[in-house]
Amino acid sequence: MQTYAKTKSIANYLSCRNTAGHETGAFLNRNILKSFKMNRKNTLLILLLSLSGALFFNAGAQHWSLTMKNIMLNAPDLEEAGTLAVNPEAKNYRWSVGCETLDRDYADFSKYKDHLGALGVGYARIQSGWAKCEQKKGRYDFAWLDEIVDGICAQNVKPWMCLCYGNPIYGAQKGLGSVIFDDEETMGAWLKYVRAVVQRYKDKVAMWEVWNEPNLHGNSKYPERYANLLSKTVDVIKSVDEDAVIIGFGASRMPLKYIESVMDEMQKQGKADILDYISFHPYYENPDDAMPEILALKSLVETYSDKIKLFQGESGCPSILEWGHALRYNEWSEYSQAKWDMRRIANDFSIDIPSSIFTLVDLQYPNMQQSFGLVRTNLLKEPVYRRPSFYGVRNMCTILTENRKPDGWLEYESNGSRKITAVAIKDESGRRIGAMLWFGDRIPDSSLERTLTDVTLKGLDLKNPVCVDPLTGKAYLLDIKRGGNFGGTLKIYGLPMWDCPIFVMEKDSVQLENAVEARKSGSAQDMHY
């Protein structure tokens, strides 16, 4: 124990760093060594720690993103028009980010909350944590949930809460894939808990979602159980707050048959239209591949009610190869993660549905540290740096504001072989102000190469277009040498296309900061969190 204490003290000494992340006092002098009276074994340990920089003990240091630096250095070699002006204070209520699993302590909100405020989204999804709130029957402790709800609101973001999972003190499971209960005692305790939660947070929580992925595991065989839970839970919510916004399902992937079966049960009860949204979680290796089933779900829902809208309620991408959870067994990287998340947003915008990216930070599940976070964390649940996906999502939110709408898919011609998805964008007056384009025919890869492509966009008449790369935030000039207007058709030469969305926008429709000198040295500016 004495040796351990000495070693820990020296490790703490070695881990001292300044704000730039450089070592201070990395080497021990003779006096320090003498004061600790180190034997050979401990001296060797200290030497190893000094050579390694004591990174394992240096949880508080700032770090920059190597992947973001590489993306900046591999930006298109075009003349810059400026950099996208980002204002995180202007929250965008079209978009949401996941702050899930806090009910099971897989992350620490107090350590990452400032990153939420800096992202620019309007909503954050959380889970209610019945098992954490009621650990003794009939006694609720909401202190932990108060901290999260109030903390989200303090970031000028609105929380929406998923009421989900059982409670072991009533014999009900508390995690993903929990069996949906229907016995009288557990259901009664659940509804009592729901009432208490809604009464407590009705003035702070923007929307209420009933359960998370109820179609997982054996639950998919019993749609009537979820229909029963959904119906009774909504009744309680509405009895407390008649104007409450209700989200149903939170379905894993796109289980059309299951959703249809549940809605049939709801229709029998005369409650097919009690929902405002049906949410789904489209985890597909290629995010574009989900579109046909999303459109099929939209058509299905319309047969029950013209009031219910779709909500992409949870979807994201790992940043490494994982062996568990969604999208496992694919060699993801921080590059392909950023492309995936941005394509999810682009697809959801194309059909004008709200969307939530999973998740803000990495999560420590019992079997692994999950790498879906826009912010990388360490094993102490502390933020390390913002991944490229953070900046990509933030910039997409900056461009795709609430007052902008999709205006259909554009016809195009190009000199390339890959299929292009091109979505027109209009402002609140109905004027087409630009388009969003990307290669969507394959799973996003880790390449940073763009393909200079000649593209003719039909039906897009822009007077002074610029190309905006939302991953880097840089805007590029598109002058007559690269493009021009020909009778309502925009022809652009050498457009830097790749498997990540880019924007061709009327220059006056995007707010740009002054043009900046291209970074040749790989400056770490904007790499720190």
Protein backbone atom coordinates (compact mmCIF):
# COMPACT_ATOMS: atom_id res chain seq x y z
CA MET A 1 0.00 0.00 0.00
CA GLN A 2 2.87 2.38 0.85
CA THR A 3 4.61 1.70 -2.47
CA TYR A 4 1.31 2.23 -4.36
CA ALA A 5 0.78 5.60 -2.65
CA LYS A 6 4.28 6.73 -3.60
CA THR A 7 3.83 5.60 -7.17
CA LYS A 8 0.47 7.37 -7.45
CA SER A 9 1.99 10.61 -6.10
CA ILE A 10 4.79 10.51 -8.65
CA ALA A 11 2.31 9.66 -11.43
CA ASN A 12 0.25 12.68 -10.48
CA TYR A 13 3.39 14.81 -10.61
CA LEU A 14 4.27 13.47 -14.02
CA SER A 15 0.79 14.09 -15.35
CA CYS A 16 0.92 17.87 -14.83
CA ARG A 17 0.34 19.67 -18.14
CA ASN A 18 -0.31 23.16 -19.33
CA THR A 19 -3.35 24.13 -21.44
CA ALA A 20 -1.58 23.31 -24.70
CA GLY A 21 -1.12 19.73 -23.55
CA HIS A 22 2.67 19.86 -23.18
CA GLU A 23 4.50 18.10 -20.36
CA THR A 24 5.72 20.19 -17.43
CA GLY A 25 8.11 18.62 -14.96
CA ALA A 26 8.23 15.41 -16.97
CA PHE A 27 11.60 14.35 -15.61
CA LEU A 28 12.51 13.75 -12.00
CA ASN A 29 15.71 15.23 -10.64
CA ARG A 30 17.96 13.62 -8.12
CA ASN A 31 16.35 15.35 -5.17
CA ILE A 32 12.90 14.00 -6.06
CA LEU A 33 14.24 10.51 -6.56
CA LYS A 34 16.07 10.71 -3.27
CA SER A 35 13.03 12.02 -1.41
CA PHE A 36 10.98 9.05 -2.53
CA LYS A 37 13.84 6.62 -1.76
CA MET A 38 12.99 4.57 -4.81
CA ASN A 39 14.28 1.04 -5.29
CA ARG A 40 15.22 -0.22 -8.74
CA LYS A 41 11.79 -1.62 -9.53
CA ASN A 42 10.02 1.61 -8.70
CA THR A 43 12.66 3.67 -10.53
CA LEU A 44 12.01 1.64 -13.68
CA LEU A 45 8.29 2.23 -13.29
CA ILE A 46 8.82 5.97 -12.99
CA LEU A 47 11.06 6.06 -16.02
CA LEU A 48 8.41 4.26 -18.04
CA LEU A 49 5.79 6.72 -16.85
CA SER A 50 7.95 9.68 -17.78
CA LEU A 51 8.63 8.30 -21.24
CA SER A 52 4.96 7.63 -21.87
CA GLY A 53 3.95 11.09 -20.70
CA ALA A 54 1.80 9.57 -17.94
CA LEU A 55 -1.18 9.74 -20.26
CA PHE A 56 -3.16 7.24 -18.22
CA PHE A 57 -3.17 9.63 -15.29
CA ASN A 58 -3.72 12.73 -17.36
CA ALA A 59 -7.51 12.76 -17.63
CA GLY A 60 -7.81 16.53 -17.35
CA ALA A 61 -5.58 17.54 -20.26
CA GLN A 62 -6.91 19.00 -23.48
CA HIS A 63 -6.38 17.07 -26.67
CA TRP A 64 -6.92 17.91 -30.31
CA SER A 65 -8.44 15.77 -33.01
CA LEU A 66 -5.94 14.29 -35.43
CA THR A 67 -8.76 13.21 -37.72
CA MET A 68 -10.15 16.74 -37.88
CA LYS A 69 -6.67 18.06 -38.65
CA ASN A 70 -6.33 15.57 -41.52
CA ILE A 71 -9.72 16.57 -42.91
CA MET A 72 -8.68 20.24 -42.87
CA LEU A 73 -5.40 19.47 -44.60
CA ASN A 74 -7.20 17.43 -47.28
CA ALA A 75 -9.78 20.10 -48.12
CA PRO A 76 -10.44 20.81 -51.83
CA ASP A 77 -7.84 22.96 -53.56
CA LEU A 78 -10.31 25.69 -54.53
CA GLU A 79 -10.42 29.40 -53.84
CA GLU A 80 -12.06 30.02 -50.48
CA ALA A 81 -14.99 32.37 -50.14
CA GLY A 82 -14.94 32.26 -46.34
CA THR A 83 -15.91 30.06 -43.43
CA LEU A 84 -19.42 29.22 -42.28
CA ALA A 85 -20.38 31.47 -39.37
CA VAL A 86 -21.62 29.27 -36.54
CA ASN A 87 -23.79 30.58 -33.72
CA PRO A 88 -24.52 27.79 -31.22
CA GLU A 89 -26.77 30.16 -29.28
CA ALA A 90 -29.26 30.05 -32.17
CA LYS A 91 -30.84 26.67 -31.40
CA ASN A 92 -32.32 24.70 -34.28
CA TYR A 93 -35.48 22.84 -33.28
CA ARG A 94 -35.49 20.67 -36.38
CA TRP A 95 -32.59 18.68 -34.91
CA SER A 96 -31.92 16.71 -31.75
CA VAL A 97 -29.02 14.82 -30.19
CA GLY A 98 -29.00 11.79 -27.92
CA CYS A 99 -28.16 12.10 -24.22
CA GLU A 100 -29.45 8.61 -23.48
CA THR A 101 -28.45 5.90 -20.94
CA LEU A 102 -27.90 8.33 -18.06
CA ASP A 103 -30.52 6.29 -16.22
CA ARG A 104 -28.00 3.43 -16.18
CA ASP A 105 -24.92 5.60 -15.57
CA TYR A 106 -23.27 4.79 -18.90
CA ALA A 107 -22.22 8.45 -19.14
CA ASP A 108 -21.84 11.43 -16.81
CA PHE A 109 -23.90 14.42 -17.93
CA SER A 110 -22.14 16.83 -15.59
CA LYS A 111 -18.87 16.23 -17.45
CA TYR A 112 -20.15 16.81 -20.98
CA LYS A 113 -23.07 19.23 -20.69
CA ASP A 114 -21.14 22.20 -22.14
CA HIS A 115 -20.70 20.30 -25.41
CA LEU A 116 -24.48 20.05 -25.69
CA GLY A 117 -24.86 23.83 -25.63
CA ALA A 118 -22.13 24.22 -28.26
CA LEU A 119 -23.74 21.88 -30.80
CA GLY A 120 -26.62 24.14 -31.83
CA VAL A 121 -29.41 21.55 -31.74
CA GLY A 122 -32.73 22.47 -30.15
CA TYR A 123 -33.57 19.16 -28.46
CA ALA A 124 -31.86 16.43 -26.45
CA ARG A 125 -33.31 12.96 -25.87
CA ILE A 126 -33.08 11.41 -22.38
CA GLN A 127 -34.57 8.38 -20.64
CA SER A 128 -36.68 8.51 -17.49
CA GLY A 129 -35.04 5.76 -15.41
CA TRP A 130 -37.89 4.27 -13.39
CA ALA A 131 -35.53 1.79 -11.71
CA LYS A 132 -33.17 4.59 -10.68
CA CYS A 133 -35.97 6.84 -9.40
CA GLU A 134 -37.90 4.23 -7.42
CA GLN A 135 -35.51 1.92 -5.59
CA LYS A 136 -37.96 1.35 -2.75
CA LYS A 137 -41.62 0.80 -3.54
CA GLY A 138 -43.61 4.01 -3.43
CA ARG A 139 -40.59 6.27 -2.78
CA TYR A 140 -39.18 8.41 -5.60
CA ASP A 141 -35.80 10.10 -5.76
CA PHE A 142 -35.67 12.53 -8.69
CA ALA A 143 -32.48 14.36 -7.68
CA TRP A 144 -30.37 12.76 -10.43
CA LEU A 145 -33.03 13.42 -13.06
CA ASP A 146 -33.52 17.01 -11.87
CA GLU A 147 -29.82 17.64 -12.47
CA ILE A 148 -30.08 16.39 -16.05
CA VAL A 149 -33.36 18.08 -17.00
CA ASP A 150 -32.30 21.39 -15.45
CA GLY A 151 -28.82 21.04 -16.91
CA ILE A 152 -30.19 20.59 -20.43
CA CYS A 153 -32.49 23.57 -20.03
CA ALA A 154 -29.53 25.64 -18.76
CA GLN A 155 -27.85 24.98 -22.11
CA ASN A 156 -30.88 26.55 -23.81
CA VAL A 157 -31.84 23.12 -25.16
CA LYS A 158 -35.21 21.43 -24.66
CA PRO A 159 -35.23 17.88 -23.28
CA TRP A 160 -37.59 15.23 -24.61
CA MET A 161 -38.01 12.21 -22.41
CA CYS A 162 -38.41 8.55 -23.27
CA LEU A 163 -40.52 6.85 -20.61
CA CYS A 164 -39.09 3.36 -20.78
CA TYR A 165 -37.89 0.16 -19.14
CA GLY A 166 -39.10 -1.72 -16.13
CA ASN A 167 -38.14 -1.82 -12.48
CA PRO A 168 -36.59 -4.94 -10.83
CA ILE A 169 -38.33 -4.27 -7.52
CA TYR A 170 -41.54 -5.15 -9.37
CA GLY A 171 -39.91 -8.06 -11.20
CA ALA A 172 -39.54 -6.11 -14.46
CA GLN A 173 -36.32 -5.77 -16.47
CA LYS A 174 -34.66 -2.36 -16.70
CA GLY A 175 -32.58 -2.41 -19.89
CA LEU A 176 -32.72 -2.52 -23.66
CA GLY A 177 -35.05 -5.28 -24.81
CA SER A 178 -36.89 -5.42 -21.47
CA VAL A 179 -39.99 -7.59 -21.53
CA ILE A 180 -43.06 -5.37 -21.70
CA PHE A 181 -45.09 -6.11 -18.58
CA ASP A 182 -48.86 -6.46 -18.44
CA ASP A 183 -49.53 -7.72 -14.91
CA GLU A 184 -51.73 -5.54 -12.73
CA GLU A 185 -49.20 -4.73 -9.97
CA THR A 186 -46.37 -3.68 -12.28
CA MET A 187 -48.62 -1.75 -14.62
CA GLY A 188 -50.20 0.08 -11.70
CA ALA A 189 -46.78 1.03 -10.29
CA TRP A 190 -45.61 2.12 -13.76
CA LEU A 191 -48.59 4.41 -14.32
CA LYS A 192 -48.18 5.91 -10.86
CA TYR A 193 -44.53 6.63 -11.68
CA VAL A 194 -45.43 8.12 -15.07
CA ARG A 195 -47.90 10.46 -13.39
CA ALA A 196 -45.26 11.62 -10.91
CA VAL A 197 -42.68 12.24 -13.67
CA VAL A 198 -45.04 14.18 -15.92
CA GLN A 199 -46.31 16.30 -13.02
CA ARG A 200 -42.73 17.14 -12.07
CA TYR A 201 -41.37 17.98 -15.52
CA LYS A 202 -44.36 18.98 -17.66
CA ASP A 203 -43.17 22.60 -17.86
CA LYS A 204 -39.63 21.60 -18.87
CA VAL A 205 -39.91 18.49 -21.06
CA ALA A 206 -40.96 19.26 -24.64
CA MET A 207 -42.17 15.80 -25.72
CA TRP A 208 -42.89 12.42 -24.15
CA GLU A 209 -41.91 9.18 -25.85
CA VAL A 210 -43.43 5.90 -24.67
CA TRP A 211 -40.81 3.13 -24.48
CA ASN A 212 -37.63 2.47 -26.39
CA GLU A 213 -37.45 -0.18 -29.12
CA PRO A 214 -40.46 -2.22 -27.93
CA ASN A 215 -40.07 -4.61 -30.87
CA LEU A 216 -36.77 -6.06 -29.65
CA HIS A 217 -36.34 -9.69 -28.69
CA GLY A 218 -39.50 -11.61 -27.73
CA ASN A 219 -41.59 -8.44 -27.53
CA SER A 220 -42.07 -8.47 -31.29
CA LYS A 221 -44.40 -11.47 -30.91
CA TYR A 222 -46.79 -9.59 -28.63
CA PRO A 223 -47.72 -6.24 -30.25
CA GLU A 224 -50.86 -6.13 -28.10
CA ARG A 225 -48.69 -5.71 -24.98
CA TYR A 226 -47.09 -2.55 -26.30
CA ALA A 227 -50.47 -1.27 -27.55
CA ASN A 228 -51.83 -1.74 -24.02
CA LEU A 229 -48.85 -0.01 -22.42
CA LEU A 230 -48.96 2.81 -24.96
CA SER A 231 -52.67 3.43 -24.55
CA LYS A 232 -52.64 3.48 -20.74
CA THR A 233 -49.45 5.56 -20.53
CA VAL A 234 -50.75 8.22 -22.92
CA ASP A 235 -53.99 8.41 -20.93
CA VAL A 236 -52.02 9.22 -17.79
CA ILE A 237 -49.80 11.77 -19.56
CA LYS A 238 -52.81 13.55 -21.04
CA SER A 239 -54.61 13.57 -17.68
CA VAL A 240 -51.72 15.61 -16.28
CA ASP A 241 -50.99 17.71 -19.37
CA GLU A 242 -53.67 17.67 -22.05
CA ASP A 243 -51.40 19.54 -24.47
CA ALA A 244 -48.51 17.11 -24.12
CA VAL A 245 -46.75 16.07 -27.35
CA ILE A 246 -46.66 12.27 -27.59
CA ILE A 247 -44.15 10.11 -29.47
CA GLY A 248 -44.82 6.42 -29.92
CA PHE A 249 -42.71 3.34 -30.63
CA GLY A 250 -39.05 4.34 -30.81
CA ALA A 251 -38.88 1.24 -32.99
CA SER A 252 -35.63 -0.55 -33.72
CA ARG A 253 -34.87 -0.27 -37.45
CA MET A 254 -38.04 -0.34 -39.58
CA PRO A 255 -40.42 -3.10 -38.36
CA LEU A 256 -43.37 -2.23 -40.59
CA LYS A 257 -45.40 -5.34 -39.75
CA TYR A 258 -44.98 -4.80 -36.01
CA ILE A 259 -45.98 -1.14 -36.23
CA GLU A 260 -49.00 -2.10 -38.31
CA SER A 261 -50.06 -4.71 -35.74
CA VAL A 262 -49.78 -2.24 -32.86
CA MET A 263 -51.69 0.43 -34.77
CA ASP A 264 -54.43 -2.08 -35.57
CA GLU A 265 -54.79 -2.71 -31.82
CA MET A 266 -54.89 1.03 -31.16
CA GLN A 267 -57.52 1.45 -33.86
CA LYS A 268 -59.72 -1.18 -32.20
CA GLN A 269 -59.59 0.96 -29.04
CA GLY A 270 -60.43 4.10 -30.99
CA LYS A 271 -57.01 5.54 -30.17
CA ALA A 272 -55.17 5.41 -33.47
CA ASP A 273 -54.71 9.17 -33.46
CA ILE A 274 -53.48 9.74 -29.89
CA LEU A 275 -49.91 10.04 -31.14
CA ASP A 276 -48.27 13.14 -32.55
CA TYR A 277 -45.24 11.23 -33.85
CA ILE A 278 -44.12 7.70 -34.59
CA SER A 279 -40.38 7.38 -34.06
CA PHE A 280 -38.02 4.83 -35.54
CA HIS A 281 -34.30 4.04 -35.41
CA PRO A 282 -32.96 3.32 -38.92
CA TYR A 283 -29.59 1.69 -38.28
CA TYR A 284 -28.47 0.75 -41.79
CA GLU A 285 -24.83 0.43 -42.86
CA ASN A 286 -25.68 2.73 -45.76
CA PRO A 287 -28.02 5.37 -44.28
CA ASP A 288 -29.50 6.00 -47.73
CA ASP A 289 -30.76 2.42 -47.91
CA ALA A 290 -33.37 3.18 -45.24
CA MET A 291 -35.25 5.65 -47.45
CA PRO A 292 -37.60 3.17 -49.22
CA GLU A 293 -38.80 1.76 -45.89
CA ILE A 294 -39.17 5.20 -44.34
CA LEU A 295 -41.41 6.20 -47.23
CA ALA A 296 -43.31 2.92 -46.82
CA LEU A 297 -43.80 3.69 -43.11
CA LYS A 298 -45.05 7.16 -44.01
CA SER A 299 -47.66 5.65 -46.33
CA LEU A 300 -48.67 3.10 -43.69
CA VAL A 301 -49.15 5.74 -40.98
CA GLU A 302 -51.30 7.86 -43.27
CA THR A 303 -53.85 5.00 -43.44
CA TYR A 304 -54.51 5.44 -39.71
CA SER A 305 -54.33 9.21 -39.28
CA ASP A 306 -53.29 12.28 -41.22
CA LYS A 307 -52.28 13.87 -37.90
CA ILE A 308 -49.36 11.56 -37.06
CA LYS A 309 -45.93 12.54 -38.34
CA LEU A 310 -42.65 10.64 -38.50
CA PHE A 311 -39.69 11.30 -36.23
CA GLN A 312 -36.24 9.79 -36.78
CA GLY A 313 -35.73 9.38 -33.06
CA GLU A 314 -32.34 7.71 -32.70
CA SER A 315 -29.65 6.78 -35.17
CA GLY A 316 -25.91 7.16 -35.39
CA CYS A 317 -22.68 5.45 -36.31
CA PRO A 318 -19.70 3.98 -34.45
CA SER A 319 -16.27 5.47 -34.97
CA ILE A 320 -14.40 2.16 -34.66
CA LEU A 321 -15.10 -1.49 -35.44
CA GLU A 322 -17.40 -2.81 -32.71
CA TRP A 323 -18.57 -6.31 -31.85
CA GLY A 324 -21.81 -5.31 -30.19
CA HIS A 325 -24.75 -2.95 -30.70
CA ALA A 326 -25.97 -1.49 -33.98
CA LEU A 327 -23.81 -1.44 -37.11
CA ARG A 328 -21.31 -3.88 -35.63
CA TYR A 329 -18.67 -5.77 -37.62
CA ASN A 330 -17.93 -2.96 -40.02
CA GLU A 331 -14.58 -1.15 -40.05
CA TRP A 332 -15.84 2.30 -39.14
CA SER A 333 -13.55 5.25 -38.49
CA GLU A 334 -14.00 8.83 -37.34
CA TYR A 335 -14.07 9.79 -41.04
CA SER A 336 -16.85 7.40 -42.05
CA GLN A 337 -18.77 8.16 -38.85
CA ALA A 338 -18.91 11.86 -39.74
CA LYS A 339 -20.09 11.08 -43.27
CA TRP A 340 -22.73 8.63 -41.96
CA ASP A 341 -24.18 11.07 -39.43
CA MET A 342 -24.32 13.89 -41.97
CA ARG A 343 -26.00 11.65 -44.55
CA ARG A 344 -28.59 10.64 -41.96
CA ILE A 345 -29.38 14.30 -41.40
CA ALA A 346 -29.43 14.95 -45.16
CA ASN A 347 -31.85 12.10 -45.82
CA ASP A 348 -34.17 13.14 -43.01
CA PHE A 349 -34.19 16.73 -44.25
CA SER A 350 -35.00 15.53 -47.77
CA ILE A 351 -38.41 14.30 -46.56
CA ASP A 352 -38.83 17.05 -43.95
CA ILE A 353 -38.87 15.01 -40.75
CA PRO A 354 -37.22 15.87 -37.41
CA SER A 355 -34.14 13.87 -36.61
CA SER A 356 -31.97 12.90 -33.63
CA ILE A 357 -28.35 11.79 -33.85
CA PHE A 358 -27.14 9.11 -31.44
CA THR A 359 -25.20 10.13 -29.41
CA LEU A 360 -23.41 13.18 -28.00
CA VAL A 361 -20.70 11.23 -26.15
CA ASP A 362 -19.31 7.71 -26.04
CA LEU A 363 -21.16 5.41 -23.65
CA GLN A 364 -19.73 2.82 -21.26
CA TYR A 365 -21.96 -0.22 -21.63
CA PRO A 366 -21.17 -3.22 -19.40
CA ASN A 367 -19.63 -5.15 -22.29
CA MET A 368 -17.75 -2.34 -24.07
CA GLN A 369 -17.22 1.37 -24.46
CA GLN A 370 -19.49 2.31 -27.32
CA SER A 371 -17.94 4.72 -29.84
CA PHE A 372 -21.03 6.46 -31.32
CA GLY A 373 -20.23 9.77 -29.60
CA LEU A 374 -19.82 13.06 -31.42
CA VAL A 375 -17.41 13.68 -28.55
CA ARG A 376 -14.80 11.10 -27.64
CA THR A 377 -14.58 10.22 -23.96
CA ASN A 378 -12.11 8.29 -21.82
CA LEU A 379 -12.74 5.51 -19.33
CA LEU A 380 -13.46 8.10 -16.64
CA LYS A 381 -16.40 9.30 -18.79
CA GLU A 382 -14.61 12.58 -19.41
CA PRO A 383 -14.61 14.32 -22.81
CA VAL A 384 -11.30 14.10 -24.65
CA TYR A 385 -11.99 15.89 -27.93
CA ARG A 386 -14.74 16.65 -30.41
CA ARG A 387 -14.77 14.26 -33.32
CA PRO A 388 -15.22 15.46 -36.93
CA SER A 389 -18.85 14.29 -36.63
CA PHE A 390 -19.45 16.99 -34.01
CA TYR A 391 -18.43 19.75 -36.41
CA GLY A 392 -20.26 18.12 -39.32
CA VAL A 393 -23.53 17.88 -37.38
CA ARG A 394 -23.14 21.42 -36.06
CA ASN A 395 -22.56 22.83 -39.54
CA MET A 396 -25.48 20.87 -41.03
CA CYS A 397 -27.71 22.36 -38.32
CA THR A 398 -26.35 25.82 -39.14
CA ILE A 399 -27.32 25.54 -42.81
CA LEU A 400 -30.54 23.51 -42.56
CA THR A 401 -32.46 25.88 -40.34
CA GLU A 402 -36.10 25.57 -39.32
CA ASN A 403 -37.29 28.07 -41.91
CA ARG A 404 -35.77 26.08 -44.77
CA LYS A 405 -37.52 23.19 -46.44
CA PRO A 406 -36.69 20.48 -48.95
CA ASP A 407 -38.04 21.16 -52.43
CA GLY A 408 -37.77 17.76 -54.07
CA TRP A 409 -34.98 15.77 -55.68
CA LEU A 410 -33.25 17.44 -58.60
CA GLU A 411 -32.59 15.88 -61.95
CA TYR A 412 -28.96 16.10 -62.93
CA GLU A 413 -26.34 15.17 -65.47
CA SER A 414 -22.72 14.49 -64.63
CA ASN A 415 -19.51 13.20 -66.14
CA GLY A 416 -19.00 10.78 -63.25
CA SER A 417 -20.03 7.15 -62.81
CA ARG A 418 -21.43 7.32 -59.29
CA LYS A 419 -25.05 8.05 -58.48
CA ILE A 420 -25.67 11.49 -57.00
CA THR A 421 -28.47 12.41 -54.64
CA ALA A 422 -29.40 16.07 -55.13
CA VAL A 423 -32.00 17.72 -52.89
CA ALA A 424 -33.29 21.24 -53.60
CA ILE A 425 -33.57 23.68 -50.69
CA LYS A 426 -36.05 26.54 -50.49
CA ASP A 427 -36.43 29.40 -48.03
CA GLU A 428 -39.60 30.47 -46.24
CA SER A 429 -40.69 32.50 -49.27
CA GLY A 430 -40.57 29.39 -51.45
CA ARG A 431 -37.49 30.54 -53.40
CA ARG A 432 -34.95 27.86 -54.24
CA ILE A 433 -31.72 28.99 -52.62
CA GLY A 434 -29.54 25.96 -53.21
CA ALA A 435 -29.12 22.22 -53.17
CA MET A 436 -27.47 19.48 -51.15
CA LEU A 437 -25.54 16.78 -53.04
CA TRP A 438 -23.71 13.58 -52.16
CA PHE A 439 -22.77 10.12 -53.43
CA GLY A 440 -25.27 7.88 -51.63
CA ASP A 441 -24.86 4.58 -53.44
CA ARG A 442 -22.41 2.96 -51.00
CA ILE A 443 -21.57 2.67 -47.31
CA PRO A 444 -19.57 5.76 -46.28
CA ASP A 445 -15.85 5.02 -46.40
CA SER A 446 -12.77 6.53 -44.76
CA SER A 447 -11.29 8.17 -47.85
CA LEU A 448 -10.76 11.92 -47.79
CA GLU A 449 -10.52 12.20 -51.57
CA ARG A 450 -13.07 14.27 -53.47
CA THR A 451 -13.93 13.63 -57.09
CA LEU A 452 -13.93 16.80 -59.20
CA THR A 453 -17.18 16.33 -61.09
CA ASP A 454 -18.93 18.34 -63.78
CA VAL A 455 -22.59 18.53 -62.74
CA THR A 456 -25.63 20.05 -64.41
CA LEU A 457 -28.50 20.62 -61.98
CA LYS A 458 -31.87 21.06 -63.64
CA GLY A 459 -34.31 23.52 -62.11
CA LEU A 460 -31.72 25.34 -60.00
CA ASP A 461 -31.18 28.94 -61.02
CA LEU A 462 -28.60 30.60 -58.76
CA LYS A 463 -27.03 33.98 -59.50
CA ASN A 464 -23.93 33.82 -57.32
CA PRO A 465 -23.43 30.27 -56.06
CA VAL A 466 -20.81 29.07 -53.59
CA CYS A 467 -19.94 25.52 -52.58
CA VAL A 468 -20.09 24.92 -48.82
CA ASP A 469 -18.39 21.88 -47.28
CA PRO A 470 -20.26 21.32 -43.99
CA LEU A 471 -17.58 19.00 -42.62
CA THR A 472 -14.86 21.65 -42.66
CA GLY A 473 -17.19 24.65 -42.66
CA LYS A 474 -15.33 26.14 -45.63
CA ALA A 475 -17.06 27.83 -48.57
CA TYR A 476 -15.56 27.92 -52.06
CA LEU A 477 -16.11 30.22 -55.00
CA LEU A 478 -17.93 28.89 -58.06
CA ASP A 479 -17.29 31.52 -60.71
CA ILE A 480 -17.94 31.43 -64.45
CA LYS A 481 -14.88 29.31 -64.97
CA ARG A 482 -16.48 26.58 -62.95
CA GLY A 483 -20.14 27.15 -63.63
CA GLY A 484 -22.89 29.34 -64.99
CA ASN A 485 -26.63 29.64 -65.49
CA PHE A 486 -28.17 28.31 -68.67
CA GLY A 487 -31.92 28.83 -68.78
CA GLY A 488 -32.75 27.71 -65.26
CA THR A 489 -30.11 25.01 -65.24
CA LEU A 490 -26.95 25.39 -63.18
CA LYS A 491 -23.81 23.86 -64.66
CA ILE A 492 -20.82 23.54 -62.41
CA TYR A 493 -17.37 22.37 -63.45
CA GLY A 494 -15.07 20.62 -61.00
CA LEU A 495 -17.51 20.33 -58.09
CA PRO A 496 -15.68 18.46 -55.26
CA MET A 497 -18.08 15.54 -54.83
CA TRP A 498 -17.73 12.68 -52.35
CA ASP A 499 -19.80 10.36 -50.15
CA CYS A 500 -20.64 13.18 -47.75
CA PRO A 501 -23.12 16.03 -48.29
CA ILE A 502 -21.93 19.30 -49.79
CA PHE A 503 -24.03 22.37 -50.53
CA VAL A 504 -24.32 24.57 -53.59
CA MET A 505 -25.96 27.71 -52.22
CA GLU A 506 -26.75 31.26 -53.22
CA LYS A 507 -24.00 33.18 -51.51
CA ASP A 508 -26.35 35.60 -49.78
CA SER A 509 -28.23 32.68 -48.17
CA VAL A 510 -25.28 31.56 -46.04
CA GLN A 511 -23.56 33.68 -43.44
CA LEU A 512 -19.81 33.54 -43.98
CA GLU A 513 -16.98 34.91 -41.91
CA ASN A 514 -14.16 36.70 -43.70
CA ALA A 515 -12.03 34.65 -46.05
CA VAL A 516 -9.15 32.97 -44.26
CA GLU A 517 -5.69 31.92 -45.35
CA ALA A 518 -5.47 28.23 -46.13
CA ARG A 519 -3.79 26.32 -43.31
CA LYS A 520 -0.58 24.88 -44.70
CA SER A 521 1.05 23.96 -41.40
CA GLY A 522 -1.72 21.88 -39.88
CA SER A 523 -2.55 24.36 -37.15
CA ALA A 524 -4.41 22.91 -34.19
CA GLN A 525 -6.77 25.90 -34.13
CA ASP A 526 -10.40 24.70 -33.91
CA MET A 527 -9.18 21.21 -33.03
CA HIS A 528 -9.47 21.66 -29.28
CA TYR A 529 -12.77 21.36 -27.54
